[in-house]
Amino acid sequence: MTSAVITNAFYAKKQFYPSVVYLTKSSTSLAVLYLQALVFVVLLGKVLQRIFLGQLRAIETEHLYDRTWFSVTETCLAFTVFRDDFSPRF
């Protein structure tokens, strides 16, 4: 689906910059690209889990997913609370 959306954009616009603008302005294209990014993040997580932690039991995997979800939500909360403090220098 992702390759079809990108191919359609380049076929319709014929140049790189207009194709990228089209991809970022089209809600359908953005949804497909976001879904592809999510798939890549999940696959990267599974690969890193396999490399650094090896084969895990079911309970260990469940604990890892629970703690990862908690860490992600805490990070998002910190970003929203301290958004005024973030600067390029920080």
C-alpha atoms as a PDB file:
ATOM      1  CA  MET A   1       0.000   0.000   0.000  1.00  0.00           C
ATOM      2  CA  THR A   2       2.834   2.384   0.844  1.00  0.00           C
ATOM      3  CA  SER A   3       4.617   1.786  -2.442  1.00  0.00           C
ATOM      4  CA  ALA A   4       1.346   2.298  -4.322  1.00  0.00           C
ATOM      5  CA  VAL A   5       0.733   5.644  -2.605  1.00  0.00           C
ATOM      6  CA  ILE A   6       4.284   6.847  -3.270  1.00  0.00           C
ATOM      7  CA  THR A   7       4.215   5.629  -6.874  1.00  0.00           C
ATOM      8  CA  ASN A   8       0.883   7.358  -7.435  1.00  0.00           C
ATOM      9  CA  ALA A   9       2.263  10.627  -6.049  1.00  0.00           C
ATOM     10  CA  PHE A  10       5.341  10.519  -8.300  1.00  0.00           C
ATOM     11  CA  TYR A  11       3.237   9.494 -11.293  1.00  0.00           C
ATOM     12  CA  ALA A  12       0.812  12.380 -10.735  1.00  0.00           C
ATOM     13  CA  LYS A  13       3.351  15.124  -9.957  1.00  0.00           C
ATOM     14  CA  LYS A  14       6.434  13.979 -11.948  1.00  0.00           C
ATOM     15  CA  GLN A  15       8.896  15.786  -9.633  1.00  0.00           C
ATOM     16  CA  PHE A  16      10.228  15.174  -6.149  1.00  0.00           C
ATOM     17  CA  TYR A  17       9.146  18.317  -4.285  1.00  0.00           C
ATOM     18  CA  PRO A  18       5.557  18.467  -5.588  1.00  0.00           C
ATOM     19  CA  SER A  19       5.229  14.744  -4.871  1.00  0.00           C
ATOM     20  CA  VAL A  20       6.330  15.217  -1.269  1.00  0.00           C
ATOM     21  CA  VAL A  21       3.941  18.150  -0.850  1.00  0.00           C
ATOM     22  CA  TYR A  22       1.138  15.999  -2.251  1.00  0.00           C
ATOM     23  CA  LEU A  23       2.013  13.168   0.153  1.00  0.00           C
ATOM     24  CA  THR A  24       1.994  15.487   3.159  1.00  0.00           C
ATOM     25  CA  LYS A  25      -1.261  17.245   2.207  1.00  0.00           C
ATOM     26  CA  SER A  26      -3.302  14.155   1.374  1.00  0.00           C
ATOM     27  CA  SER A  27      -4.915  12.648   4.463  1.00  0.00           C
ATOM     28  CA  THR A  28      -5.104   9.196   2.882  1.00  0.00           C
ATOM     29  CA  SER A  29      -1.423   9.272   1.984  1.00  0.00           C
ATOM     30  CA  LEU A  30      -0.490  10.422   5.468  1.00  0.00           C
ATOM     31  CA  ALA A  31      -2.563   7.658   7.045  1.00  0.00           C
ATOM     32  CA  VAL A  32      -0.796   5.036   4.932  1.00  0.00           C
ATOM     33  CA  LEU A  33       2.634   6.506   5.710  1.00  0.00           C
ATOM     34  CA  TYR A  34       1.879   6.694   9.442  1.00  0.00           C
ATOM     35  CA  LEU A  35       0.727   3.085   9.407  1.00  0.00           C
ATOM     36  CA  GLN A  36       3.947   2.073   7.651  1.00  0.00           C
ATOM     37  CA  ALA A  37       5.989   3.988  10.237  1.00  0.00           C
ATOM     38  CA  LEU A  38       4.131   2.186  13.023  1.00  0.00           C
ATOM     39  CA  VAL A  39       4.900  -1.177  11.423  1.00  0.00           C
ATOM     40  CA  PHE A  40       8.597  -0.245  11.179  1.00  0.00           C
ATOM     41  CA  VAL A  41       8.694   0.818  14.841  1.00  0.00           C
ATOM     42  CA  VAL A  42       7.094  -2.454  15.972  1.00  0.00           C
ATOM     43  CA  LEU A  43       9.491  -4.496  13.829  1.00  0.00           C
ATOM     44  CA  LEU A  44      12.474  -2.512  15.118  1.00  0.00           C
ATOM     45  CA  GLY A  45      11.326  -3.141  18.681  1.00  0.00           C
ATOM     46  CA  LYS A  46      11.029  -6.871  18.064  1.00  0.00           C
ATOM     47  CA  VAL A  47      14.471  -7.000  16.435  1.00  0.00           C
ATOM     48  CA  LEU A  48      16.069  -5.062  19.305  1.00  0.00           C
ATOM     49  CA  GLN A  49      14.313  -7.314  21.811  1.00  0.00           C
ATOM     50  CA  ARG A  50      15.640 -10.398  20.047  1.00  0.00           C
ATOM     51  CA  ILE A  51      19.187  -8.985  19.786  1.00  0.00           C
ATOM     52  CA  PHE A  52      19.579  -7.642  23.320  1.00  0.00           C
ATOM     53  CA  LEU A  53      17.307  -9.910  25.347  1.00  0.00           C
ATOM     54  CA  GLY A  54      17.128 -13.107  23.312  1.00  0.00           C
ATOM     55  CA  GLN A  55      14.246 -15.538  23.642  1.00  0.00           C
ATOM     56  CA  LEU A  56      11.927 -14.481  26.474  1.00  0.00           C
ATOM     57  CA  ARG A  57       9.247 -16.397  28.291  1.00  0.00           C
ATOM     58  CA  ALA A  58       5.645 -15.203  27.953  1.00  0.00           C
ATOM     59  CA  ILE A  59       5.575 -13.505  31.371  1.00  0.00           C
ATOM     60  CA  GLU A  60       8.856 -11.710  30.656  1.00  0.00           C
ATOM     61  CA  THR A  61       7.507 -10.447  27.350  1.00  0.00           C
ATOM     62  CA  GLU A  62       4.337  -9.229  29.075  1.00  0.00           C
ATOM     63  CA  HIS A  63       6.365  -7.359  31.704  1.00  0.00           C
ATOM     64  CA  LEU A  64       8.546  -5.824  28.993  1.00  0.00           C
ATOM     65  CA  TYR A  65       5.506  -4.580  27.048  1.00  0.00           C
ATOM     66  CA  ASP A  66       3.874  -3.194  30.211  1.00  0.00           C
ATOM     67  CA  ARG A  67       6.997  -1.310  31.242  1.00  0.00           C
ATOM     68  CA  THR A  68       7.596  -0.047  27.715  1.00  0.00           C
ATOM     69  CA  TRP A  69       4.036   1.290  27.505  1.00  0.00           C
ATOM     70  CA  PHE A  70       4.456   2.983  30.891  1.00  0.00           C
ATOM     71  CA  SER A  71       7.739   4.564  29.763  1.00  0.00           C
ATOM     72  CA  VAL A  72       6.220   5.866  26.532  1.00  0.00           C
ATOM     73  CA  THR A  73       3.239   7.426  28.290  1.00  0.00           C
ATOM     74  CA  GLU A  74       5.468   9.012  30.935  1.00  0.00           C
ATOM     75  CA  THR A  75       7.696  10.470  28.215  1.00  0.00           C
ATOM     76  CA  CYS A  76       4.699  11.918  26.363  1.00  0.00           C
ATOM     77  CA  LEU A  77       3.422  13.398  29.610  1.00  0.00           C
ATOM     78  CA  ALA A  78       6.813  14.955  30.309  1.00  0.00           C
ATOM     79  CA  PHE A  79       6.896  16.457  26.812  1.00  0.00           C
ATOM     80  CA  THR A  80       3.504  18.091  27.337  1.00  0.00           C
ATOM     81  CA  VAL A  81       4.311  19.385  30.827  1.00  0.00           C
ATOM     82  CA  PHE A  82       7.740  20.781  29.936  1.00  0.00           C
ATOM     83  CA  ARG A  83       7.046  21.877  26.341  1.00  0.00           C
ATOM     84  CA  ASP A  84       7.871  25.517  27.126  1.00  0.00           C
ATOM     85  CA  ASP A  85      11.296  24.532  28.441  1.00  0.00           C
ATOM     86  CA  PHE A  86      12.317  22.696  25.274  1.00  0.00           C
ATOM     87  CA  SER A  87      14.568  24.742  23.057  1.00  0.00           C
ATOM     88  CA  PRO A  88      17.164  23.892  20.400  1.00  0.00           C
ATOM     89  CA  ARG A  89      19.928  24.361  22.972  1.00  0.00           C
ATOM     90  CA  PHE A  90      18.179  22.049  25.463  1.00  0.00           C
END
